[in-house]
């Protein structure tokens, strides 16, 4: 009986991991970058369209830009306001980003960045 329960728990954990992984890969494959940004920063890809880049990690802060299917340099990531999108999921991590050619720093919800809840290679703020 214990062995059967253990197998069931392992199977459920594997199914949950696959579901979370599916959310992280939403959208089509990222196009190749036209140019590289700062080599000391991690490049991140906004996979969605019409994504707001904000002055702070909250949807109420002023919008700095709007980007669609776009590569940016990631500076760091922090927890902020929880964002829920019925088609994608929920996430409270935001990444501070800038244009490859340099720009003001803006925050984008990790919900719309390829890579999952927290983006690998991007340090915490």
PDB file of N, CA and C in Angstrom:
ATOM      1  N   UNK A   1       0.820  -1.193   0.000  1.00  0.00           N
ATOM      2  CA  UNK A   1       0.000   0.000   0.000  1.00  0.00           C
ATOM      3  C   UNK A   1       0.865   1.259   0.000  1.00  0.00           C
ATOM      4  N   UNK A   2       1.910   1.290   0.860  1.00  0.00           N
ATOM      5  CA  UNK A   2       2.785   2.457   0.906  1.00  0.00           C
ATOM      6  C   UNK A   2       3.490   2.662  -0.427  1.00  0.00           C
ATOM      7  N   UNK A   3       3.895   1.582  -1.060  1.00  0.00           N
ATOM      8  CA  UNK A   3       4.578   1.676  -2.342  1.00  0.00           C
ATOM      9  C   UNK A   3       3.648   2.276  -3.398  1.00  0.00           C
ATOM     10  N   UNK A   4       2.375   1.861  -3.389  1.00  0.00           N
ATOM     11  CA  UNK A   4       1.391   2.385  -4.325  1.00  0.00           C
ATOM     12  C   UNK A   4       1.174   3.880  -4.088  1.00  0.00           C
ATOM     13  N   UNK A   5       1.081   4.289  -2.819  1.00  0.00           N
ATOM     14  CA  UNK A   5       0.893   5.713  -2.498  1.00  0.00           C
ATOM     15  C   UNK A   5       2.102   6.514  -2.949  1.00  0.00           C
ATOM     16  N   UNK A   6       3.304   5.967  -2.729  1.00  0.00           N
ATOM     17  CA  UNK A   6       4.532   6.663  -3.135  1.00  0.00           C
ATOM     18  C   UNK A   6       4.537   6.871  -4.650  1.00  0.00           C
ATOM     19  N   UNK A   7       4.164   5.825  -5.408  1.00  0.00           N
ATOM     20  CA  UNK A   7       4.121   5.943  -6.871  1.00  0.00           C
ATOM     21  C   UNK A   7       3.096   6.985  -7.304  1.00  0.00           C
ATOM     22  N   UNK A   8       1.952   7.029  -6.621  1.00  0.00           N
ATOM     23  CA  UNK A   8       0.921   8.013  -6.956  1.00  0.00           C
ATOM     24  C   UNK A   8       1.416   9.431  -6.713  1.00  0.00           C
ATOM     25  N   UNK A   9       2.106   9.643  -5.591  1.00  0.00           N
ATOM     26  CA  UNK A   9       2.639  10.967  -5.279  1.00  0.00           C
ATOM     27  C   UNK A   9       3.687  11.369  -6.308  1.00  0.00           C
ATOM     28  N   UNK A  10       4.558  10.457  -6.686  1.00  0.00           N
ATOM     29  CA  UNK A  10       5.585  10.737  -7.694  1.00  0.00           C
ATOM     30  C   UNK A  10       4.928  11.067  -9.030  1.00  0.00           C
ATOM     31  N   UNK A  11       3.900  10.319  -9.412  1.00  0.00           N
ATOM     32  CA  UNK A  11       3.205  10.567 -10.679  1.00  0.00           C
ATOM     33  C   UNK A  11       2.534  11.939 -10.669  1.00  0.00           C
ATOM     34  N   UNK A  12       1.895  12.292  -9.557  1.00  0.00           N
ATOM     35  CA  UNK A  12       1.250  13.606  -9.462  1.00  0.00           C
ATOM     36  C   UNK A  12       2.283  14.729  -9.518  1.00  0.00           C
ATOM     37  N   UNK A  13       3.415  14.560  -8.868  1.00  0.00           N
ATOM     38  CA  UNK A  13       4.473  15.572  -8.898  1.00  0.00           C
ATOM     39  C   UNK A  13       5.008  15.739 -10.309  1.00  0.00           C
ATOM     40  N   UNK A  14       5.177  14.646 -11.030  1.00  0.00           N
ATOM     41  CA  UNK A  14       5.667  14.717 -12.408  1.00  0.00           C
ATOM     42  C   UNK A  14       4.650  15.430 -13.298  1.00  0.00           C
ATOM     43  N   UNK A  15       3.373  15.134 -13.111  1.00  0.00           N
ATOM     44  CA  UNK A  15       2.330  15.798 -13.895  1.00  0.00           C
ATOM     45  C   UNK A  15       2.307  17.292 -13.611  1.00  0.00           C
ATOM     46  N   UNK A  16       2.468  17.669 -12.349  1.00  0.00           N
ATOM     47  CA  UNK A  16       2.493  19.090 -11.991  1.00  0.00           C
ATOM     48  C   UNK A  16       3.693  19.777 -12.618  1.00  0.00           C
ATOM     49  N   UNK A  17       4.837  19.137 -12.612  1.00  0.00           N
ATOM     50  CA  UNK A  17       6.043  19.718 -13.209  1.00  0.00           C
ATOM     51  C   UNK A  17       5.862  19.920 -14.701  1.00  0.00           C
ATOM     52  N   UNK A  18       5.217  18.968 -15.379  1.00  0.00           N
ATOM     53  CA  UNK A  18       4.978  19.117 -16.808  1.00  0.00           C
ATOM     54  C   UNK A  18       4.015  20.259 -17.083  1.00  0.00           C
ATOM     55  N   UNK A  19       3.002  20.435 -16.253  1.00  0.00           N
ATOM     56  CA  UNK A  19       2.053  21.521 -16.429  1.00  0.00           C
ATOM     57  C   UNK A  19       2.743  22.860 -16.264  1.00  0.00           C
ATOM     58  N   UNK A  20       3.557  23.021 -15.221  1.00  0.00           N
ATOM     59  CA  UNK A  20       4.288  24.267 -15.016  1.00  0.00           C
ATOM     60  C   UNK A  20       5.231  24.514 -16.175  1.00  0.00           C
ATOM     61  N   UNK A  21       5.893  23.468 -16.667  1.00  0.00           N
ATOM     62  CA  UNK A  21       6.799  23.607 -17.804  1.00  0.00           C
ATOM     63  C   UNK A  21       6.070  24.065 -19.050  1.00  0.00           C
ATOM     64  N   UNK A  22       4.824  23.622 -19.222  1.00  0.00           N
ATOM     65  CA  UNK A  22       4.041  24.047 -20.377  1.00  0.00           C
ATOM     66  C   UNK A  22       3.785  25.542 -20.327  1.00  0.00           C
ATOM     67  N   UNK A  23       3.514  26.080 -19.145  1.00  0.00           N
ATOM     68  CA  UNK A  23       3.299  27.522 -19.028  1.00  0.00           C
ATOM     69  C   UNK A  23       4.556  28.301 -19.388  1.00  0.00           C
ATOM     70  N   UNK A  24       5.699  27.766 -19.027  1.00  0.00           N
ATOM     71  CA  UNK A  24       6.960  28.460 -19.284  1.00  0.00           C
ATOM     72  C   UNK A  24       7.293  28.500 -20.766  1.00  0.00           C
ATOM     73  N   UNK A  25       6.709  27.612 -21.565  1.00  0.00           N
ATOM     74  CA  UNK A  25       7.038  27.567 -22.977  1.00  0.00           C
ATOM     75  C   UNK A  25       5.901  28.072 -23.847  1.00  0.00           C
ATOM     76  N   UNK A  26       4.974  28.817 -23.268  1.00  0.00           N
ATOM     77  CA  UNK A  26       3.858  29.348 -24.028  1.00  0.00           C
ATOM     78  C   UNK A  26       4.372  30.232 -25.151  1.00  0.00           C
ATOM     79  N   UNK A  27       3.741  30.153 -26.300  1.00  0.00           N
ATOM     80  CA  UNK A  27       4.142  30.988 -27.426  1.00  0.00           C
ATOM     81  C   UNK A  27       5.045  30.210 -28.367  1.00  0.00           C
ATOM     82  N   UNK A  28       5.365  30.849 -29.475  1.00  0.00           N
ATOM     83  CA  UNK A  28       6.214  30.229 -30.472  1.00  0.00           C
ATOM     84  C   UNK A  28       7.676  30.357 -30.075  1.00  0.00           C
ATOM     85  N   UNK A  29       8.522  29.705 -30.845  1.00  0.00           N
ATOM     86  CA  UNK A  29       9.956  29.780 -30.587  1.00  0.00           C
ATOM     87  C   UNK A  29      10.420  31.226 -30.740  1.00  0.00           C
ATOM     88  N   UNK A  30      11.337  31.636 -29.886  1.00  0.00           N
ATOM     89  CA  UNK A  30      11.864  32.994 -29.938  1.00  0.00           C
ATOM     90  C   UNK A  30      12.700  33.176 -31.193  1.00  0.00           C
ATOM     91  N   UNK A  31      12.504  34.277 -31.908  1.00  0.00           N
ATOM     92  CA  UNK A  31      13.336  34.531 -33.078  1.00  0.00           C
ATOM     93  C   UNK A  31      14.767  34.856 -32.653  1.00  0.00           C
ATOM     94  N   UNK A  32      15.679  34.694 -33.564  1.00  0.00           N
ATOM     95  CA  UNK A  32      17.075  35.009 -33.267  1.00  0.00           C
ATOM     96  C   UNK A  32      17.215  36.504 -32.985  1.00  0.00           C
ATOM     97  N   UNK A  33      18.155  36.834 -32.110  1.00  0.00           N
ATOM     98  CA  UNK A  33      18.419  38.236 -31.792  1.00  0.00           C
ATOM     99  C   UNK A  33      19.152  38.876 -32.955  1.00  0.00           C
ATOM    100  N   UNK A  34      18.753  40.101 -33.298  1.00  0.00           N
ATOM    101  CA  UNK A  34      19.419  40.826 -34.373  1.00  0.00           C
ATOM    102  C   UNK A  34      20.812  41.272 -33.925  1.00  0.00           C
ATOM    103  N   UNK A  35      20.924  41.677 -32.672  1.00  0.00           N
ATOM    104  CA  UNK A  35      22.213  42.065 -32.121  1.00  0.00           C
ATOM    105  C   UNK A  35      22.235  41.662 -30.654  1.00  0.00           C
ATOM    106  N   UNK A  36      23.393  41.603 -30.094  1.00  0.00           N
ATOM    107  CA  UNK A  36      23.517  41.208 -28.696  1.00  0.00           C
ATOM    108  C   UNK A  36      23.566  42.447 -27.820  1.00  0.00           C
ATOM    109  N   UNK A  37      23.043  42.308 -26.628  1.00  0.00           N
ATOM    110  CA  UNK A  37      23.089  43.403 -25.668  1.00  0.00           C
ATOM    111  C   UNK A  37      24.374  43.346 -24.865  1.00  0.00           C
ATOM    112  N   UNK A  38      24.298  43.813 -23.647  1.00  0.00           N
ATOM    113  CA  UNK A  38      25.432  43.810 -22.729  1.00  0.00           C
ATOM    114  C   UNK A  38      25.819  42.356 -22.443  1.00  0.00           C
ATOM    115  N   UNK A  39      27.062  41.957 -22.731  1.00  0.00           N
ATOM    116  CA  UNK A  39      27.446  40.555 -22.519  1.00  0.00           C
ATOM    117  C   UNK A  39      27.462  40.135 -21.054  1.00  0.00           C
ATOM    118  N   UNK A  40      27.415  41.089 -20.120  1.00  0.00           N
ATOM    119  CA  UNK A  40      27.385  40.731 -18.700  1.00  0.00           C
ATOM    120  C   UNK A  40      25.969  40.510 -18.197  1.00  0.00           C
ATOM    121  N   UNK A  41      24.968  40.801 -19.025  1.00  0.00           N
ATOM    122  CA  UNK A  41      23.565  40.632 -18.633  1.00  0.00           C
ATOM    123  C   UNK A  41      22.932  39.474 -19.392  1.00  0.00           C
ATOM    124  N   UNK A  42      21.864  38.924 -18.822  1.00  0.00           N
ATOM    125  CA  UNK A  42      21.127  37.843 -19.464  1.00  0.00           C
ATOM    126  C   UNK A  42      20.107  38.434 -20.427  1.00  0.00           C
ATOM    127  N   UNK A  43      20.085  37.946 -21.656  1.00  0.00           N
ATOM    128  CA  UNK A  43      19.075  38.363 -22.619  1.00  0.00           C
ATOM    129  C   UNK A  43      17.781  37.619 -22.309  1.00  0.00           C
ATOM    130  N   UNK A  44      16.660  38.335 -22.306  1.00  0.00           N
ATOM    131  CA  UNK A  44      15.358  37.711 -22.072  1.00  0.00           C
ATOM    132  C   UNK A  44      14.443  38.045 -23.236  1.00  0.00           C
ATOM    133  N   UNK A  45      13.467  37.177 -23.466  1.00  0.00           N
ATOM    134  CA  UNK A  45      12.548  37.325 -24.591  1.00  0.00           C
ATOM    135  C   UNK A  45      11.114  37.479 -24.101  1.00  0.00           C
ATOM    136  N   UNK A  46      10.490  38.589 -24.463  1.00  0.00           N
ATOM    137  CA  UNK A  46       9.054  38.784 -24.212  1.00  0.00           C
ATOM    138  C   UNK A  46       8.335  38.059 -25.339  1.00  0.00           C
ATOM    139  N   UNK A  47       7.631  36.992 -24.996  1.00  0.00           N
ATOM    140  CA  UNK A  47       6.989  36.158 -26.005  1.00  0.00           C
ATOM    141  C   UNK A  47       5.597  36.663 -26.405  1.00  0.00           C
ATOM    142  N   UNK A  48       4.966  37.459 -25.562  1.00  0.00           N
ATOM    143  CA  UNK A  48       3.596  37.920 -25.801  1.00  0.00           C
ATOM    144  C   UNK A  48       3.596  39.227 -26.611  1.00  0.00           C
ATOM    145  N   UNK A  49       2.407  39.682 -26.961  1.00  0.00           N
ATOM    146  CA  UNK A  49       2.270  40.949 -27.689  1.00  0.00           C
ATOM    147  C   UNK A  49       1.684  42.012 -26.778  1.00  0.00           C
ATOM    148  N   UNK A  50       2.036  43.258 -27.051  1.00  0.00           N
ATOM    149  CA  UNK A  50       1.522  44.425 -26.324  1.00  0.00           C
ATOM    150  C   UNK A  50       1.738  44.318 -24.816  1.00  0.00           C
ATOM    151  N   UNK A  51       2.964  43.997 -24.412  1.00  0.00           N
ATOM    152  CA  UNK A  51       3.320  43.862 -23.005  1.00  0.00           C
ATOM    153  C   UNK A  51       3.820  45.209 -22.489  1.00  0.00           C
ATOM    154  N   UNK A  52       3.252  45.645 -21.361  1.00  0.00           N
ATOM    155  CA  UNK A  52       3.647  46.922 -20.758  1.00  0.00           C
ATOM    156  C   UNK A  52       4.934  46.775 -19.962  1.00  0.00           C
ATOM    157  N   UNK A  53       5.856  47.703 -20.175  1.00  0.00           N
ATOM    158  CA  UNK A  53       7.061  47.819 -19.374  1.00  0.00           C
ATOM    159  C   UNK A  53       6.821  48.985 -18.428  1.00  0.00           C
ATOM    160  N   UNK A  54       6.943  48.747 -17.122  1.00  0.00           N
ATOM    161  CA  UNK A  54       6.528  49.708 -16.103  1.00  0.00           C
ATOM    162  C   UNK A  54       7.715  50.294 -15.351  1.00  0.00           C
ATOM    163  N   UNK A  55       7.474  51.424 -14.685  1.00  0.00           N
ATOM    164  CA  UNK A  55       8.540  52.078 -13.920  1.00  0.00           C
ATOM    165  C   UNK A  55       8.834  51.360 -12.600  1.00  0.00           C
ATOM    166  N   UNK A  56       7.890  50.593 -12.088  1.00  0.00           N
ATOM    167  CA  UNK A  56       8.036  49.805 -10.856  1.00  0.00           C
ATOM    168  C   UNK A  56       7.381  48.443 -11.077  1.00  0.00           C
ATOM    169  N   UNK A  57       7.648  47.454 -10.227  1.00  0.00           N
ATOM    170  CA  UNK A  57       7.070  46.118 -10.416  1.00  0.00           C
ATOM    171  C   UNK A  57       5.608  46.025  -9.970  1.00  0.00           C
ATOM    172  N   UNK A  58       4.785  46.851 -10.582  1.00  0.00           N
ATOM    173  CA  UNK A  58       3.351  46.868 -10.315  1.00  0.00           C
ATOM    174  C   UNK A  58       2.625  47.378 -11.554  1.00  0.00           C
ATOM    175  N   UNK A  59       1.438  46.863 -11.811  1.00  0.00           N
ATOM    176  CA  UNK A  59       0.680  47.285 -12.995  1.00  0.00           C
ATOM    177  C   UNK A  59       0.079  48.680 -12.841  1.00  0.00           C
ATOM    178  N   UNK A  60       0.122  49.230 -11.631  1.00  0.00           N
ATOM    179  CA  UNK A  60      -0.389  50.586 -11.416  1.00  0.00           C
ATOM    180  C   UNK A  60       0.669  51.670 -11.668  1.00  0.00           C
ATOM    181  N   UNK A  61       1.939  51.286 -11.784  1.00  0.00           N
ATOM    182  CA  UNK A  61       2.995  52.281 -12.001  1.00  0.00           C
ATOM    183  C   UNK A  61       2.970  52.754 -13.457  1.00  0.00           C
ATOM    184  N   UNK A  62       3.547  53.917 -13.709  1.00  0.00           N
ATOM    185  CA  UNK A  62       3.524  54.461 -15.075  1.00  0.00           C
ATOM    186  C   UNK A  62       4.153  53.504 -16.093  1.00  0.00           C
ATOM    187  N   UNK A  63       3.545  53.484 -17.281  1.00  0.00           N
ATOM    188  CA  UNK A  63       4.043  52.653 -18.376  1.00  0.00           C
ATOM    189  C   UNK A  63       5.185  53.402 -19.065  1.00  0.00           C
ATOM    190  N   UNK A  64       6.303  52.721 -19.268  1.00  0.00           N
ATOM    191  CA  UNK A  64       7.457  53.331 -19.949  1.00  0.00           C
ATOM    192  C   UNK A  64       7.499  52.969 -21.424  1.00  0.00           C
ATOM    193  N   UNK A  65       7.014  51.776 -21.754  1.00  0.00           N
ATOM    194  CA  UNK A  65       7.040  51.317 -23.146  1.00  0.00           C
ATOM    195  C   UNK A  65       6.103  50.125 -23.293  1.00  0.00           C
ATOM    196  N   UNK A  66       5.835  49.762 -24.522  1.00  0.00           N
ATOM    197  CA  UNK A  66       5.061  48.564 -24.847  1.00  0.00           C
ATOM    198  C   UNK A  66       5.886  47.786 -25.867  1.00  0.00           C
ATOM    199  N   UNK A  67       6.065  46.495 -25.625  1.00  0.00           N
ATOM    200  CA  UNK A  67       6.861  45.665 -26.528  1.00  0.00           C
ATOM    201  C   UNK A  67       6.112  44.378 -26.851  1.00  0.00           C
ATOM    202  N   UNK A  68       6.365  43.864 -28.055  1.00  0.00           N
ATOM    203  CA  UNK A  68       5.784  42.608 -28.515  1.00  0.00           C
ATOM    204  C   UNK A  68       6.883  41.722 -29.065  1.00  0.00           C
ATOM    205  N   UNK A  69       6.936  40.482 -28.580  1.00  0.00           N
ATOM    206  CA  UNK A  69       7.890  39.495 -29.079  1.00  0.00           C
ATOM    207  C   UNK A  69       9.248  40.162 -29.305  1.00  0.00           C
ATOM    208  N   UNK A  70       9.929  40.435 -28.194  1.00  0.00           N
ATOM    209  CA  UNK A  70      11.061  41.351 -28.206  1.00  0.00           C
ATOM    210  C   UNK A  70      12.153  40.895 -27.241  1.00  0.00           C
ATOM    211  N   UNK A  71      13.416  41.053 -27.627  1.00  0.00           N
ATOM    212  CA  UNK A  71      14.567  40.735 -26.779  1.00  0.00           C
ATOM    213  C   UNK A  71      15.006  41.956 -25.995  1.00  0.00           C
ATOM    214  N   UNK A  72      15.356  41.766 -24.721  1.00  0.00           N
ATOM    215  CA  UNK A  72      15.857  42.835 -23.855  1.00  0.00           C
ATOM    216  C   UNK A  72      16.974  42.290 -22.973  1.00  0.00           C
ATOM    217  N   UNK A  73      17.765  43.193 -22.401  1.00  0.00           N
ATOM    218  CA  UNK A  73      18.747  42.830 -21.379  1.00  0.00           C
ATOM    219  C   UNK A  73      18.056  42.820 -20.026  1.00  0.00           C
ATOM    220  N   UNK A  74      18.235  41.752 -19.251  1.00  0.00           N
ATOM    221  CA  UNK A  74      17.677  41.660 -17.898  1.00  0.00           C
ATOM    222  C   UNK A  74      18.741  42.079 -16.898  1.00  0.00           C
ATOM    223  N   UNK A  75      18.392  43.009 -16.023  1.00  0.00           N
ATOM    224  CA  UNK A  75      19.318  43.498 -15.013  1.00  0.00           C
ATOM    225  C   UNK A  75      19.195  42.672 -13.738  1.00  0.00           C
ATOM    226  N   UNK A  76      17.961  42.514 -13.259  1.00  0.00           N
ATOM    227  CA  UNK A  76      17.698  41.730 -12.056  1.00  0.00           C
ATOM    228  C   UNK A  76      16.199  41.451 -11.995  1.00  0.00           C
ATOM    229  N   UNK A  77      15.786  40.620 -11.028  1.00  0.00           N
ATOM    230  CA  UNK A  77      14.360  40.335 -10.854  1.00  0.00           C
ATOM    231  C   UNK A  77      13.989  40.402  -9.386  1.00  0.00           C
ATOM    232  N   UNK A  78      12.738  40.795  -9.153  1.00  0.00           N
ATOM    233  CA  UNK A  78      12.255  40.980  -7.789  1.00  0.00           C
ATOM    234  C   UNK A  78      10.782  40.592  -7.719  1.00  0.00           C
ATOM    235  N   UNK A  79      10.315  40.334  -6.509  1.00  0.00           N
ATOM    236  CA  UNK A  79       8.886  40.081  -6.338  1.00  0.00           C
ATOM    237  C   UNK A  79       8.154  41.414  -6.262  1.00  0.00           C
ATOM    238  N   UNK A  80       7.003  41.462  -6.893  1.00  0.00           N
ATOM    239  CA  UNK A  80       6.178  42.667  -6.912  1.00  0.00           C
ATOM    240  C   UNK A  80       4.716  42.277  -6.893  1.00  0.00           C
ATOM    241  N   UNK A  81       3.904  43.080  -7.538  1.00  0.00           N
ATOM    242  CA  UNK A  81       2.476  42.812  -7.600  1.00  0.00           C
ATOM    243  C   UNK A  81       2.223  41.494  -8.332  1.00  0.00           C
ATOM    244  N   UNK A  82       1.281  40.719  -7.844  1.00  0.00           N
ATOM    245  CA  UNK A  82       0.892  39.486  -8.515  1.00  0.00           C
ATOM    246  C   UNK A  82       0.085  39.829  -9.757  1.00  0.00           C
ATOM    247  N   UNK A  83       0.480  39.237 -10.881  1.00  0.00           N
ATOM    248  CA  UNK A  83      -0.213  39.431 -12.152  1.00  0.00           C
ATOM    249  C   UNK A  83      -0.876  38.118 -12.511  1.00  0.00           C
ATOM    250  N   UNK A  84      -2.159  38.193 -12.871  1.00  0.00           N
ATOM    251  CA  UNK A  84      -2.900  37.011 -13.285  1.00  0.00           C
ATOM    252  C   UNK A  84      -3.434  37.230 -14.685  1.00  0.00           C
ATOM    253  N   UNK A  85      -3.172  36.288 -15.555  1.00  0.00           N
ATOM    254  CA  UNK A  85      -3.696  36.298 -16.916  1.00  0.00           C
ATOM    255  C   UNK A  85      -4.359  34.944 -17.109  1.00  0.00           C
ATOM    256  N   UNK A  86      -5.684  34.904 -17.284  1.00  0.00           N
ATOM    257  CA  UNK A  86      -6.388  33.619 -17.375  1.00  0.00           C
ATOM    258  C   UNK A  86      -5.827  32.684 -18.449  1.00  0.00           C
ATOM    259  N   UNK A  87      -5.272  33.233 -19.499  1.00  0.00           N
ATOM    260  CA  UNK A  87      -4.736  32.404 -20.578  1.00  0.00           C
ATOM    261  C   UNK A  87      -3.346  31.859 -20.272  1.00  0.00           C
ATOM    262  N   UNK A  88      -2.644  32.463 -19.274  1.00  0.00           N
ATOM    263  CA  UNK A  88      -1.251  32.099 -19.034  1.00  0.00           C
ATOM    264  C   UNK A  88      -1.003  31.586 -17.624  1.00  0.00           C
ATOM    265  N   UNK A  89      -1.537  32.261 -16.620  1.00  0.00           N
ATOM    266  CA  UNK A  89      -1.309  31.853 -15.238  1.00  0.00           C
ATOM    267  C   UNK A  89      -1.133  33.047 -14.325  1.00  0.00           C
ATOM    268  N   UNK A  90      -0.396  32.842 -13.229  1.00  0.00           N
ATOM    269  CA  UNK A  90      -0.186  33.865 -12.210  1.00  0.00           C
ATOM    270  C   UNK A  90       1.289  33.887 -11.832  1.00  0.00           C
ATOM    271  N   UNK A  91       1.824  35.100 -11.599  1.00  0.00           N
ATOM    272  CA  UNK A  91       3.222  35.238 -11.214  1.00  0.00           C
ATOM    273  C   UNK A  91       3.396  36.584 -10.512  1.00  0.00           C
ATOM    274  N   UNK A  92       4.239  36.609  -9.468  1.00  0.00           N
ATOM    275  CA  UNK A  92       4.514  37.879  -8.793  1.00  0.00           C
ATOM    276  C   UNK A  92       5.972  38.316  -8.967  1.00  0.00           C
ATOM    277  N   UNK A  93       6.728  37.645  -9.847  1.00  0.00           N
ATOM    278  CA  UNK A  93       8.108  38.047 -10.127  1.00  0.00           C
ATOM    279  C   UNK A  93       8.133  38.985 -11.322  1.00  0.00           C
ATOM    280  N   UNK A  94       8.940  40.025 -11.213  1.00  0.00           N
ATOM    281  CA  UNK A  94       9.120  41.028 -12.266  1.00  0.00           C
ATOM    282  C   UNK A  94      10.609  41.148 -12.566  1.00  0.00           C
ATOM    283  N   UNK A  95      10.946  41.411 -13.814  1.00  0.00           N
ATOM    284  CA  UNK A  95      12.342  41.582 -14.212  1.00  0.00           C
ATOM    285  C   UNK A  95      12.581  43.022 -14.648  1.00  0.00           C
ATOM    286  N   UNK A  96      13.669  43.604 -14.112  1.00  0.00           N
ATOM    287  CA  UNK A  96      14.112  44.935 -14.542  1.00  0.00           C
ATOM    288  C   UNK A  96      14.880  44.741 -15.844  1.00  0.00           C
ATOM    289  N   UNK A  97      14.485  45.456 -16.886  1.00  0.00           N
ATOM    290  CA  UNK A  97      15.070  45.283 -18.215  1.00  0.00           C
ATOM    291  C   UNK A  97      15.485  46.619 -18.803  1.00  0.00           C
ATOM    292  N   UNK A  98      16.325  46.531 -19.839  1.00  0.00           N
ATOM    293  CA  UNK A  98      16.673  47.710 -20.627  1.00  0.00           C
ATOM    294  C   UNK A  98      16.901  47.271 -22.063  1.00  0.00           C
ATOM    295  N   UNK A  99      16.809  48.210 -22.981  1.00  0.00           N
ATOM    296  CA  UNK A  99      17.062  47.941 -24.397  1.00  0.00           C
ATOM    297  C   UNK A  99      18.525  47.553 -24.588  1.00  0.00           C
ATOM    298  N   UNK A 100      18.836  46.816 -25.641  1.00  0.00           N
ATOM    299  CA  UNK A 100      20.219  46.445 -25.930  1.00  0.00           C
ATOM    300  C   UNK A 100      21.096  47.673 -26.138  1.00  0.00           C
ATOM    301  N   UNK A 101      20.552  48.694 -26.761  1.00  0.00           N
ATOM    302  CA  UNK A 101      21.327  49.910 -27.036  1.00  0.00           C
ATOM    303  C   UNK A 101      21.366  50.833 -25.821  1.00  0.00           C
ATOM    304  N   UNK A 102      20.746  50.403 -24.733  1.00  0.00           N
ATOM    305  CA  UNK A 102      20.673  51.231 -23.530  1.00  0.00           C
ATOM    306  C   UNK A 102      19.357  51.992 -23.494  1.00  0.00           C
ATOM    307  N   UNK A 103      18.799  52.135 -22.322  1.00  0.00           N
ATOM    308  CA  UNK A 103      17.546  52.863 -22.134  1.00  0.00           C
ATOM    309  C   UNK A 103      17.312  52.995 -20.640  1.00  0.00           C
ATOM    310  N   UNK A 104      16.238  53.704 -20.285  1.00  0.00           N
ATOM    311  CA  UNK A 104      15.825  53.719 -18.890  1.00  0.00           C
ATOM    312  C   UNK A 104      15.448  52.298 -18.494  1.00  0.00           C
ATOM    313  N   UNK A 105      15.617  51.983 -17.225  1.00  0.00           N
ATOM    314  CA  UNK A 105      15.241  50.666 -16.726  1.00  0.00           C
ATOM    315  C   UNK A 105      13.727  50.621 -16.561  1.00  0.00           C
ATOM    316  N   UNK A 106      13.127  49.509 -16.951  1.00  0.00           N
ATOM    317  CA  UNK A 106      11.692  49.293 -16.802  1.00  0.00           C
ATOM    318  C   UNK A 106      11.485  47.872 -16.279  1.00  0.00           C
ATOM    319  N   UNK A 107      10.307  47.620 -15.716  1.00  0.00           N
ATOM    320  CA  UNK A 107       9.975  46.301 -15.181  1.00  0.00           C
ATOM    321  C   UNK A 107       8.907  45.643 -16.049  1.00  0.00           C
ATOM    322  N   UNK A 108       9.075  44.345 -16.253  1.00  0.00           N
ATOM    323  CA  UNK A 108       8.091  43.556 -16.979  1.00  0.00           C
ATOM    324  C   UNK A 108       7.776  42.318 -16.147  1.00  0.00           C
ATOM    325  N   UNK A 109       6.502  41.950 -16.105  1.00  0.00           N
ATOM    326  CA  UNK A 109       6.099  40.753 -15.363  1.00  0.00           C
ATOM    327  C   UNK A 109       6.729  39.524 -16.003  1.00  0.00           C
ATOM    328  N   UNK A 110       7.295  38.651 -15.172  1.00  0.00           N
ATOM    329  CA  UNK A 110       7.891  37.410 -15.676  1.00  0.00           C
ATOM    330  C   UNK A 110       6.856  36.508 -16.336  1.00  0.00           C
ATOM    331  N   UNK A 111       5.589  36.785 -16.133  1.00  0.00           N
ATOM    332  CA  UNK A 111       4.529  36.013 -16.768  1.00  0.00           C
ATOM    333  C   UNK A 111       4.674  36.055 -18.282  1.00  0.00           C
ATOM    334  N   UNK A 112       5.233  37.149 -18.799  1.00  0.00           N
ATOM    335  CA  UNK A 112       5.332  37.347 -20.244  1.00  0.00           C
ATOM    336  C   UNK A 112       6.754  37.186 -20.786  1.00  0.00           C
ATOM    337  N   UNK A 113       7.664  36.708 -19.939  1.00  0.00           N
ATOM    338  CA  UNK A 113       9.040  36.463 -20.368  1.00  0.00           C
ATOM    339  C   UNK A 113       9.266  34.957 -20.448  1.00  0.00           C
ATOM    340  N   UNK A 114       9.872  34.508 -21.521  1.00  0.00           N
ATOM    341  CA  UNK A 114      10.188  33.085 -21.664  1.00  0.00           C
ATOM    342  C   UNK A 114      11.117  32.665 -20.540  1.00  0.00           C
ATOM    343  N   UNK A 115      10.786  31.586 -19.837  1.00  0.00           N
ATOM    344  CA  UNK A 115      11.684  31.077 -18.821  1.00  0.00           C
ATOM    345  C   UNK A 115      11.035  30.626 -17.532  1.00  0.00           C
ATOM    346  N   UNK A 116       9.774  30.897 -17.316  1.00  0.00           N
ATOM    347  CA  UNK A 116       9.130  30.406 -16.108  1.00  0.00           C
ATOM    348  C   UNK A 116       8.944  31.468 -15.032  1.00  0.00           C
ATOM    349  N   UNK A 117       8.627  31.008 -13.829  1.00  0.00           N
ATOM    350  CA  UNK A 117       8.311  31.902 -12.710  1.00  0.00           C
ATOM    351  C   UNK A 117       9.479  32.821 -12.399  1.00  0.00           C
ATOM    352  N   UNK A 118      10.671  32.257 -12.219  1.00  0.00           N
ATOM    353  CA  UNK A 118      11.909  33.016 -12.056  1.00  0.00           C
ATOM    354  C   UNK A 118      12.800  32.686 -13.239  1.00  0.00           C
ATOM    355  N   UNK A 119      13.447  33.685 -13.773  1.00  0.00           N
ATOM    356  CA  UNK A 119      14.241  33.510 -14.980  1.00  0.00           C
ATOM    357  C   UNK A 119      15.677  33.083 -14.610  1.00  0.00           C
ATOM    358  N   UNK A 120      16.088  31.933 -15.093  1.00  0.00           N
ATOM    359  CA  UNK A 120      17.437  31.433 -14.819  1.00  0.00           C
ATOM    360  C   UNK A 120      18.478  32.413 -15.360  1.00  0.00           C
ATOM    361  N   UNK A 121      19.514  32.652 -14.571  1.00  0.00           N
ATOM    362  CA  UNK A 121      20.596  33.517 -14.993  1.00  0.00           C
ATOM    363  C   UNK A 121      20.400  34.979 -14.671  1.00  0.00           C
ATOM    364  N   UNK A 122      19.208  35.341 -14.178  1.00  0.00           N
ATOM    365  CA  UNK A 122      18.931  36.735 -13.814  1.00  0.00           C
ATOM    366  C   UNK A 122      18.971  36.831 -12.287  1.00  0.00           C
ATOM    367  N   UNK A 123      19.879  37.658 -11.733  1.00  0.00           N
ATOM    368  CA  UNK A 123      19.994  37.742 -10.275  1.00  0.00           C
ATOM    369  C   UNK A 123      18.796  38.454  -9.644  1.00  0.00           C
ATOM    370  N   UNK A 124      18.615  38.234  -8.350  1.00  0.00           N
ATOM    371  CA  UNK A 124      17.589  38.971  -7.611  1.00  0.00           C
ATOM    372  C   UNK A 124      18.070  40.413  -7.425  1.00  0.00           C
ATOM    373  N   UNK A 125      17.121  41.328  -7.387  1.00  0.00           N
ATOM    374  CA  UNK A 125      17.445  42.751  -7.148  1.00  0.00           C
ATOM    375  C   UNK A 125      17.744  42.978  -5.681  1.00  0.00           C
TER     376      UNK A 125
END
